[in-house]
Structures are given as structure tokens and as C-alpha cells.
Amino acid sequence: MMIADLIDQDDFRDRLIALGIELGQDDSPEQCAEKAAAWFATADSDSQQALIALVNELVADKGVVLPDVYEAIKLHLSSLS
């Protein structure tokens, strides 16, 4: 049986940091998503597209994203376009 790597709050935070979003080590998934949404408003087009791609990837892979991370994405980042 194959076990998928789950996307937890640390993975989510690391992926956002890799895009250049400043986050605290103890930020919750909701705080990370809120900060990512605020960052999106001032980011350049390439950075915005990178965040949109990440959000689309994580939403498409809902089965491997932990519920608290998924809910934070849906609440704060699903409207990005």
C-alpha cells in the first residue's frame, strides 16, 4: 500500500515562503493564507501567477491536504485569479 505525503501546516507555510511571502514560524494555516492573500495584492504578475498555481495544485489535491490547511485555502485564497 502506498502512503501519500500529506500537506500539513508546515508544508503549506514552506511553500508560501518559497514564493517570497514572509510568515512567522508559529503562524497557523489561516494566518498563512491571510498573509498570502495580502501579499498577492501587492505582488508582481509572475509572483501572483505562482501563488495561483500553488493554490490550484493544492485544491486539486484535496485528498492529501490536511483539513485545516484546505479550509484556510478555501476561505482566503480560493478567489485569487
PDB file of N, CA and C in Angstrom:
ATOM      1  N   MET A   1       0.841  -1.175   0.000  1.00  0.00           N
ATOM      2  CA  MET A   1       0.000   0.000   0.000  1.00  0.00           C
ATOM      3  C   MET A   1       0.884   1.236   0.000  1.00  0.00           C
ATOM      4  N   MET A   2       0.522   2.191  -0.822  1.00  0.00           N
ATOM      5  CA  MET A   2       1.289   3.420  -0.941  1.00  0.00           C
ATOM      6  C   MET A   2       0.679   4.502  -0.056  1.00  0.00           C
ATOM      7  N   ILE A   3       1.494   5.180   0.704  1.00  0.00           N
ATOM      8  CA  ILE A   3       1.027   6.250   1.576  1.00  0.00           C
ATOM      9  C   ILE A   3       1.488   7.576   0.991  1.00  0.00           C
ATOM     10  N   ALA A   4       0.547   8.473   0.737  1.00  0.00           N
ATOM     11  CA  ALA A   4       0.863   9.779   0.152  1.00  0.00           C
ATOM     12  C   ALA A   4       1.422  10.705   1.214  1.00  0.00           C
ATOM     13  N   ASP A   5       2.285  11.601   0.790  1.00  0.00           N
ATOM     14  CA  ASP A   5       2.760  12.646   1.684  1.00  0.00           C
ATOM     15  C   ASP A   5       1.639  13.643   1.869  1.00  0.00           C
ATOM     16  N   LEU A   6       1.262  13.871   3.100  1.00  0.00           N
ATOM     17  CA  LEU A   6       0.196  14.818   3.388  1.00  0.00           C
ATOM     18  C   LEU A   6       0.747  16.232   3.482  1.00  0.00           C
ATOM     19  N   ILE A   7      -0.039  17.186   3.032  1.00  0.00           N
ATOM     20  CA  ILE A   7       0.336  18.589   3.111  1.00  0.00           C
ATOM     21  C   ILE A   7      -0.194  19.122   4.433  1.00  0.00           C
ATOM     22  N   ASP A   8       0.715  19.334   5.387  1.00  0.00           N
ATOM     23  CA  ASP A   8       0.312  19.873   6.682  1.00  0.00           C
ATOM     24  C   ASP A   8       0.654  21.358   6.740  1.00  0.00           C
ATOM     25  N   GLN A   9       0.468  21.959   7.904  1.00  0.00           N
ATOM     26  CA  GLN A   9       0.688  23.400   8.019  1.00  0.00           C
ATOM     27  C   GLN A   9       2.147  23.780   7.759  1.00  0.00           C
ATOM     28  N   ASP A  10       3.080  22.935   8.120  1.00  0.00           N
ATOM     29  CA  ASP A  10       4.492  23.235   7.864  1.00  0.00           C
ATOM     30  C   ASP A  10       4.794  23.214   6.368  1.00  0.00           C
ATOM     31  N   ASP A  11       4.265  22.229   5.662  1.00  0.00           N
ATOM     32  CA  ASP A  11       4.457  22.156   4.212  1.00  0.00           C
ATOM     33  C   ASP A  11       3.830  23.369   3.527  1.00  0.00           C
ATOM     34  N   PHE A  12       2.627  23.714   3.947  1.00  0.00           N
ATOM     35  CA  PHE A  12       1.916  24.862   3.384  1.00  0.00           C
ATOM     36  C   PHE A  12       2.730  26.139   3.603  1.00  0.00           C
ATOM     37  N   ARG A  13       3.186  26.348   4.831  1.00  0.00           N
ATOM     38  CA  ARG A  13       3.980  27.532   5.161  1.00  0.00           C
ATOM     39  C   ARG A  13       5.275  27.551   4.343  1.00  0.00           C
ATOM     40  N   ASP A  14       5.946  26.421   4.234  1.00  0.00           N
ATOM     41  CA  ASP A  14       7.197  26.355   3.471  1.00  0.00           C
ATOM     42  C   ASP A  14       6.985  26.693   2.003  1.00  0.00           C
ATOM     43  N   ARG A  15       5.885  26.218   1.444  1.00  0.00           N
ATOM     44  CA  ARG A  15       5.604  26.510   0.036  1.00  0.00           C
ATOM     45  C   ARG A  15       5.321  27.992  -0.175  1.00  0.00           C
ATOM     46  N   LEU A  16       4.631  28.605   0.775  1.00  0.00           N
ATOM     47  CA  LEU A  16       4.362  30.047   0.665  1.00  0.00           C
ATOM     48  C   LEU A  16       5.648  30.846   0.844  1.00  0.00           C
ATOM     49  N   ILE A  17       6.480  30.453   1.774  1.00  0.00           N
ATOM     50  CA  ILE A  17       7.759  31.137   1.987  1.00  0.00           C
ATOM     51  C   ILE A  17       8.623  31.039   0.738  1.00  0.00           C
ATOM     52  N   ALA A  18       8.590  29.904   0.060  1.00  0.00           N
ATOM     53  CA  ALA A  18       9.361  29.727  -1.171  1.00  0.00           C
ATOM     54  C   ALA A  18       8.933  30.708  -2.254  1.00  0.00           C
ATOM     55  N   LEU A  19       7.695  31.189  -2.170  1.00  0.00           N
ATOM     56  CA  LEU A  19       7.218  32.192  -3.123  1.00  0.00           C
ATOM     57  C   LEU A  19       7.644  33.610  -2.733  1.00  0.00           C
ATOM     58  N   GLY A  20       8.180  33.756  -1.528  1.00  0.00           N
ATOM     59  CA  GLY A  20       8.625  35.070  -1.078  1.00  0.00           C
ATOM     60  C   GLY A  20       7.705  35.734  -0.072  1.00  0.00           C
ATOM     61  N   ILE A  21       6.748  34.974   0.442  1.00  0.00           N
ATOM     62  CA  ILE A  21       5.799  35.509   1.419  1.00  0.00           C
ATOM     63  C   ILE A  21       6.413  35.386   2.810  1.00  0.00           C
ATOM     64  N   GLU A  22       6.430  36.490   3.539  1.00  0.00           N
ATOM     65  CA  GLU A  22       7.003  36.485   4.892  1.00  0.00           C
ATOM     66  C   GLU A  22       5.978  35.954   5.878  1.00  0.00           C
ATOM     67  N   LEU A  23       6.349  34.881   6.563  1.00  0.00           N
ATOM     68  CA  LEU A  23       5.467  34.236   7.523  1.00  0.00           C
ATOM     69  C   LEU A  23       6.236  33.924   8.792  1.00  0.00           C
ATOM     70  N   GLY A  24       5.520  33.880   9.897  1.00  0.00           N
ATOM     71  CA  GLY A  24       6.122  33.503  11.156  1.00  0.00           C
ATOM     72  C   GLY A  24       6.151  31.999  11.334  1.00  0.00           C
ATOM     73  N   GLN A  25       7.094  31.511  12.089  1.00  0.00           N
ATOM     74  CA  GLN A  25       7.249  30.075  12.322  1.00  0.00           C
ATOM     75  C   GLN A  25       6.011  29.469  12.969  1.00  0.00           C
ATOM     76  N   ASP A  26       5.307  30.243  13.785  1.00  0.00           N
ATOM     77  CA  ASP A  26       4.148  29.724  14.503  1.00  0.00           C
ATOM     78  C   ASP A  26       2.819  30.124  13.870  1.00  0.00           C
ATOM     79  N   ASP A  27       2.845  30.706  12.663  1.00  0.00           N
ATOM     80  CA  ASP A  27       1.600  31.092  12.003  1.00  0.00           C
ATOM     81  C   ASP A  27       0.755  29.860  11.704  1.00  0.00           C
ATOM     82  N   SER A  28      -0.527  29.974  11.986  1.00  0.00           N
ATOM     83  CA  SER A  28      -1.472  28.901  11.676  1.00  0.00           C
ATOM     84  C   SER A  28      -1.734  28.884  10.172  1.00  0.00           C
ATOM     85  N   PRO A  29      -2.343  27.826   9.673  1.00  0.00           N
ATOM     86  CA  PRO A  29      -2.694  27.820   8.248  1.00  0.00           C
ATOM     87  C   PRO A  29      -3.564  29.015   7.866  1.00  0.00           C
ATOM     88  N   GLU A  30      -4.496  29.386   8.729  1.00  0.00           N
ATOM     89  CA  GLU A  30      -5.350  30.533   8.422  1.00  0.00           C
ATOM     90  C   GLU A  30      -4.537  31.828   8.371  1.00  0.00           C
ATOM     91  N   GLN A  31      -3.622  32.017   9.306  1.00  0.00           N
ATOM     92  CA  GLN A  31      -2.772  33.207   9.282  1.00  0.00           C
ATOM     93  C   GLN A  31      -1.896  33.224   8.035  1.00  0.00           C
ATOM     94  N   CYS A  32      -1.372  32.075   7.655  1.00  0.00           N
ATOM     95  CA  CYS A  32      -0.558  31.985   6.443  1.00  0.00           C
ATOM     96  C   CYS A  32      -1.377  32.366   5.214  1.00  0.00           C
ATOM     97  N   ALA A  33      -2.585  31.847   5.129  1.00  0.00           N
ATOM     98  CA  ALA A  33      -3.441  32.148   3.985  1.00  0.00           C
ATOM     99  C   ALA A  33      -3.829  33.628   3.961  1.00  0.00           C
ATOM    100  N   GLU A  34      -4.110  34.206   5.123  1.00  0.00           N
ATOM    101  CA  GLU A  34      -4.441  35.636   5.192  1.00  0.00           C
ATOM    102  C   GLU A  34      -3.258  36.478   4.716  1.00  0.00           C
ATOM    103  N   LYS A  35      -2.071  36.149   5.180  1.00  0.00           N
ATOM    104  CA  LYS A  35      -0.879  36.897   4.778  1.00  0.00           C
ATOM    105  C   LYS A  35      -0.589  36.706   3.293  1.00  0.00           C
ATOM    106  N   ALA A  36      -0.833  35.515   2.785  1.00  0.00           N
ATOM    107  CA  ALA A  36      -0.626  35.259   1.362  1.00  0.00           C
ATOM    108  C   ALA A  36      -1.596  36.086   0.515  1.00  0.00           C
ATOM    109  N   ALA A  37      -2.832  36.195   0.962  1.00  0.00           N
ATOM    110  CA  ALA A  37      -3.818  36.996   0.241  1.00  0.00           C
ATOM    111  C   ALA A  37      -3.430  38.471   0.245  1.00  0.00           C
ATOM    112  N   ALA A  38      -2.934  38.969   1.362  1.00  0.00           N
ATOM    113  CA  ALA A  38      -2.490  40.363   1.436  1.00  0.00           C
ATOM    114  C   ALA A  38      -1.264  40.580   0.547  1.00  0.00           C
ATOM    115  N   TRP A  39      -0.352  39.627   0.552  1.00  0.00           N
ATOM    116  CA  TRP A  39       0.846  39.699  -0.281  1.00  0.00           C
ATOM    117  C   TRP A  39       0.469  39.719  -1.754  1.00  0.00           C
ATOM    118  N   PHE A  40      -0.512  38.925  -2.122  1.00  0.00           N
ATOM    119  CA  PHE A  40      -0.964  38.824  -3.509  1.00  0.00           C
ATOM    120  C   PHE A  40      -1.354  40.195  -4.059  1.00  0.00           C
ATOM    121  N   ALA A  41      -1.981  41.005  -3.230  1.00  0.00           N
ATOM    122  CA  ALA A  41      -2.465  42.316  -3.670  1.00  0.00           C
ATOM    123  C   ALA A  41      -1.336  43.244  -4.112  1.00  0.00           C
ATOM    124  N   THR A  42      -0.133  43.024  -3.607  1.00  0.00           N
ATOM    125  CA  THR A  42       0.984  43.911  -3.948  1.00  0.00           C
ATOM    126  C   THR A  42       2.083  43.219  -4.760  1.00  0.00           C
ATOM    127  N   ALA A  43       1.898  41.942  -5.033  1.00  0.00           N
ATOM    128  CA  ALA A  43       2.923  41.171  -5.743  1.00  0.00           C
ATOM    129  C   ALA A  43       2.899  41.477  -7.234  1.00  0.00           C
ATOM    130  N   ASP A  44       4.033  41.221  -7.891  1.00  0.00           N
ATOM    131  CA  ASP A  44       4.083  41.381  -9.347  1.00  0.00           C
ATOM    132  C   ASP A  44       3.329  40.233 -10.008  1.00  0.00           C
ATOM    133  N   SER A  45       3.090  40.364 -11.279  1.00  0.00           N
ATOM    134  CA  SER A  45       2.274  39.412 -12.024  1.00  0.00           C
ATOM    135  C   SER A  45       2.828  37.982 -11.965  1.00  0.00           C
ATOM    136  N   ASP A  46       4.137  37.835 -12.111  1.00  0.00           N
ATOM    137  CA  ASP A  46       4.737  36.495 -12.070  1.00  0.00           C
ATOM    138  C   ASP A  46       4.540  35.847 -10.703  1.00  0.00           C
ATOM    139  N   SER A  47       4.703  36.626  -9.649  1.00  0.00           N
ATOM    140  CA  SER A  47       4.516  36.111  -8.293  1.00  0.00           C
ATOM    141  C   SER A  47       3.055  35.762  -8.049  1.00  0.00           C
ATOM    142  N   GLN A  48       2.152  36.587  -8.549  1.00  0.00           N
ATOM    143  CA  GLN A  48       0.730  36.290  -8.419  1.00  0.00           C
ATOM    144  C   GLN A  48       0.389  34.976  -9.118  1.00  0.00           C
ATOM    145  N   GLN A  49       0.929  34.789 -10.313  1.00  0.00           N
ATOM    146  CA  GLN A  49       0.660  33.563 -11.059  1.00  0.00           C
ATOM    147  C   GLN A  49       1.213  32.339 -10.329  1.00  0.00           C
ATOM    148  N   ALA A  50       2.353  32.499  -9.680  1.00  0.00           N
ATOM    149  CA  ALA A  50       2.936  31.388  -8.926  1.00  0.00           C
ATOM    150  C   ALA A  50       2.036  31.010  -7.749  1.00  0.00           C
ATOM    151  N   LEU A  51       1.466  31.999  -7.063  1.00  0.00           N
ATOM    152  CA  LEU A  51       0.563  31.701  -5.952  1.00  0.00           C
ATOM    153  C   LEU A  51      -0.722  31.061  -6.460  1.00  0.00           C
ATOM    154  N   ILE A  52      -1.254  31.574  -7.550  1.00  0.00           N
ATOM    155  CA  ILE A  52      -2.454  30.977  -8.139  1.00  0.00           C
ATOM    156  C   ILE A  52      -2.202  29.514  -8.500  1.00  0.00           C
ATOM    157  N   ALA A  53      -1.057  29.238  -9.096  1.00  0.00           N
ATOM    158  CA  ALA A  53      -0.713  27.860  -9.469  1.00  0.00           C
ATOM    159  C   ALA A  53      -0.628  26.970  -8.230  1.00  0.00           C
ATOM    160  N   LEU A  54      -0.020  27.474  -7.168  1.00  0.00           N
ATOM    161  CA  LEU A  54       0.079  26.700  -5.931  1.00  0.00           C
ATOM    162  C   LEU A  54      -1.301  26.415  -5.360  1.00  0.00           C
ATOM    163  N   VAL A  55      -2.142  27.435  -5.302  1.00  0.00           N
ATOM    164  CA  VAL A  55      -3.498  27.257  -4.777  1.00  0.00           C
ATOM    165  C   VAL A  55      -4.248  26.224  -5.613  1.00  0.00           C
ATOM    166  N   ASN A  56      -4.166  26.337  -6.928  1.00  0.00           N
ATOM    167  CA  ASN A  56      -4.856  25.386  -7.805  1.00  0.00           C
ATOM    168  C   ASN A  56      -4.352  23.960  -7.586  1.00  0.00           C
ATOM    169  N   GLU A  57      -3.045  23.822  -7.413  1.00  0.00           N
ATOM    170  CA  GLU A  57      -2.457  22.499  -7.161  1.00  0.00           C
ATOM    171  C   GLU A  57      -2.979  21.908  -5.858  1.00  0.00           C
ATOM    172  N   LEU A  58      -2.991  22.720  -4.807  1.00  0.00           N
ATOM    173  CA  LEU A  58      -3.413  22.214  -3.507  1.00  0.00           C
ATOM    174  C   LEU A  58      -4.911  21.900  -3.476  1.00  0.00           C
ATOM    175  N   VAL A  59      -5.705  22.718  -4.122  1.00  0.00           N
ATOM    176  CA  VAL A  59      -7.151  22.454  -4.167  1.00  0.00           C
ATOM    177  C   VAL A  59      -7.435  21.194  -4.972  1.00  0.00           C
ATOM    178  N   ALA A  60      -6.694  21.002  -6.048  1.00  0.00           N
ATOM    179  CA  ALA A  60      -6.881  19.806  -6.881  1.00  0.00           C
ATOM    180  C   ALA A  60      -6.466  18.538  -6.144  1.00  0.00           C
ATOM    181  N   ASP A  61      -5.502  18.662  -5.229  1.00  0.00           N
ATOM    182  CA  ASP A  61      -5.009  17.511  -4.462  1.00  0.00           C
ATOM    183  C   ASP A  61      -5.625  17.469  -3.064  1.00  0.00           C
ATOM    184  N   LYS A  62      -6.900  17.816  -2.970  1.00  0.00           N
ATOM    185  CA  LYS A  62      -7.580  17.906  -1.674  1.00  0.00           C
ATOM    186  C   LYS A  62      -7.360  16.678  -0.799  1.00  0.00           C
ATOM    187  N   GLY A  63      -7.242  15.518  -1.403  1.00  0.00           N
ATOM    188  CA  GLY A  63      -7.093  14.280  -0.643  1.00  0.00           C
ATOM    189  C   GLY A  63      -5.810  14.194   0.156  1.00  0.00           C
ATOM    190  N   VAL A  64      -4.802  14.980  -0.206  1.00  0.00           N
ATOM    191  CA  VAL A  64      -3.535  14.941   0.528  1.00  0.00           C
ATOM    192  C   VAL A  64      -3.286  16.204   1.349  1.00  0.00           C
ATOM    193  N   VAL A  65      -4.236  17.130   1.308  1.00  0.00           N
ATOM    194  CA  VAL A  65      -4.113  18.373   2.073  1.00  0.00           C
ATOM    195  C   VAL A  65      -4.926  18.214   3.357  1.00  0.00           C
ATOM    196  N   LEU A  66      -4.283  18.426   4.492  1.00  0.00           N
ATOM    197  CA  LEU A  66      -4.992  18.295   5.766  1.00  0.00           C
ATOM    198  C   LEU A  66      -6.143  19.298   5.834  1.00  0.00           C
ATOM    199  N   PRO A  67      -7.217  18.931   6.529  1.00  0.00           N
ATOM    200  CA  PRO A  67      -8.427  19.765   6.538  1.00  0.00           C
ATOM    201  C   PRO A  67      -8.221  21.220   6.962  1.00  0.00           C
ATOM    202  N   ASP A  68      -7.385  21.473   7.966  1.00  0.00           N
ATOM    203  CA  ASP A  68      -7.201  22.864   8.397  1.00  0.00           C
ATOM    204  C   ASP A  68      -6.504  23.701   7.333  1.00  0.00           C
ATOM    205  N   VAL A  69      -5.596  23.098   6.611  1.00  0.00           N
ATOM    206  CA  VAL A  69      -4.915  23.798   5.511  1.00  0.00           C
ATOM    207  C   VAL A  69      -5.894  24.022   4.366  1.00  0.00           C
ATOM    208  N   TYR A  70      -6.646  23.006   4.019  1.00  0.00           N
ATOM    209  CA  TYR A  70      -7.610  23.123   2.925  1.00  0.00           C
ATOM    210  C   TYR A  70      -8.650  24.211   3.217  1.00  0.00           C
ATOM    211  N   GLU A  71      -9.165  24.231   4.427  1.00  0.00           N
ATOM    212  CA  GLU A  71     -10.164  25.238   4.798  1.00  0.00           C
ATOM    213  C   GLU A  71      -9.588  26.648   4.745  1.00  0.00           C
ATOM    214  N   ALA A  72      -8.347  26.819   5.174  1.00  0.00           N
ATOM    215  CA  ALA A  72      -7.704  28.133   5.113  1.00  0.00           C
ATOM    216  C   ALA A  72      -7.550  28.595   3.668  1.00  0.00           C
ATOM    217  N   ILE A  73      -7.170  27.665   2.806  1.00  0.00           N
ATOM    218  CA  ILE A  73      -7.028  27.989   1.372  1.00  0.00           C
ATOM    219  C   ILE A  73      -8.389  28.389   0.803  1.00  0.00           C
ATOM    220  N   LYS A  74      -9.401  27.592   1.063  1.00  0.00           N
ATOM    221  CA  LYS A  74     -10.736  27.878   0.525  1.00  0.00           C
ATOM    222  C   LYS A  74     -11.258  29.211   1.045  1.00  0.00           C
ATOM    223  N   LEU A  75     -11.017  29.520   2.303  1.00  0.00           N
ATOM    224  CA  LEU A  75     -11.532  30.738   2.908  1.00  0.00           C
ATOM    225  C   LEU A  75     -10.826  31.994   2.402  1.00  0.00           C
ATOM    226  N   HIS A  76      -9.510  31.937   2.261  1.00  0.00           N
ATOM    227  CA  HIS A  76      -8.745  33.148   1.987  1.00  0.00           C
ATOM    228  C   HIS A  76      -8.121  33.240   0.597  1.00  0.00           C
ATOM    229  N   LEU A  77      -7.944  32.116  -0.081  1.00  0.00           N
ATOM    230  CA  LEU A  77      -7.190  32.145  -1.331  1.00  0.00           C
ATOM    231  C   LEU A  77      -7.948  31.614  -2.551  1.00  0.00           C
ATOM    232  N   SER A  78      -9.111  31.046  -2.364  1.00  0.00           N
ATOM    233  CA  SER A  78      -9.800  30.432  -3.500  1.00  0.00           C
ATOM    234  C   SER A  78     -10.297  31.445  -4.513  1.00  0.00           C
ATOM    235  N   SER A  79     -10.404  32.697  -4.141  1.00  0.00           N
ATOM    236  CA  SER A  79     -10.913  33.708  -5.076  1.00  0.00           C
ATOM    237  C   SER A  79      -9.821  34.362  -5.922  1.00  0.00           C
ATOM    238  N   LEU A  80      -8.577  33.964  -5.729  1.00  0.00           N
ATOM    239  CA  LEU A  80      -7.491  34.568  -6.495  1.00  0.00           C
ATOM    240  C   LEU A  80      -7.613  34.224  -7.971  1.00  0.00           C
ATOM    241  N   SER A  81      -7.415  35.214  -8.792  1.00  0.00           N
ATOM    242  CA  SER A  81      -7.412  34.947 -10.246  1.00  0.00           C
ATOM    243  C   SER A  81      -6.793  36.102 -10.983  1.00  0.00           C
TER     244      SER A  81
END
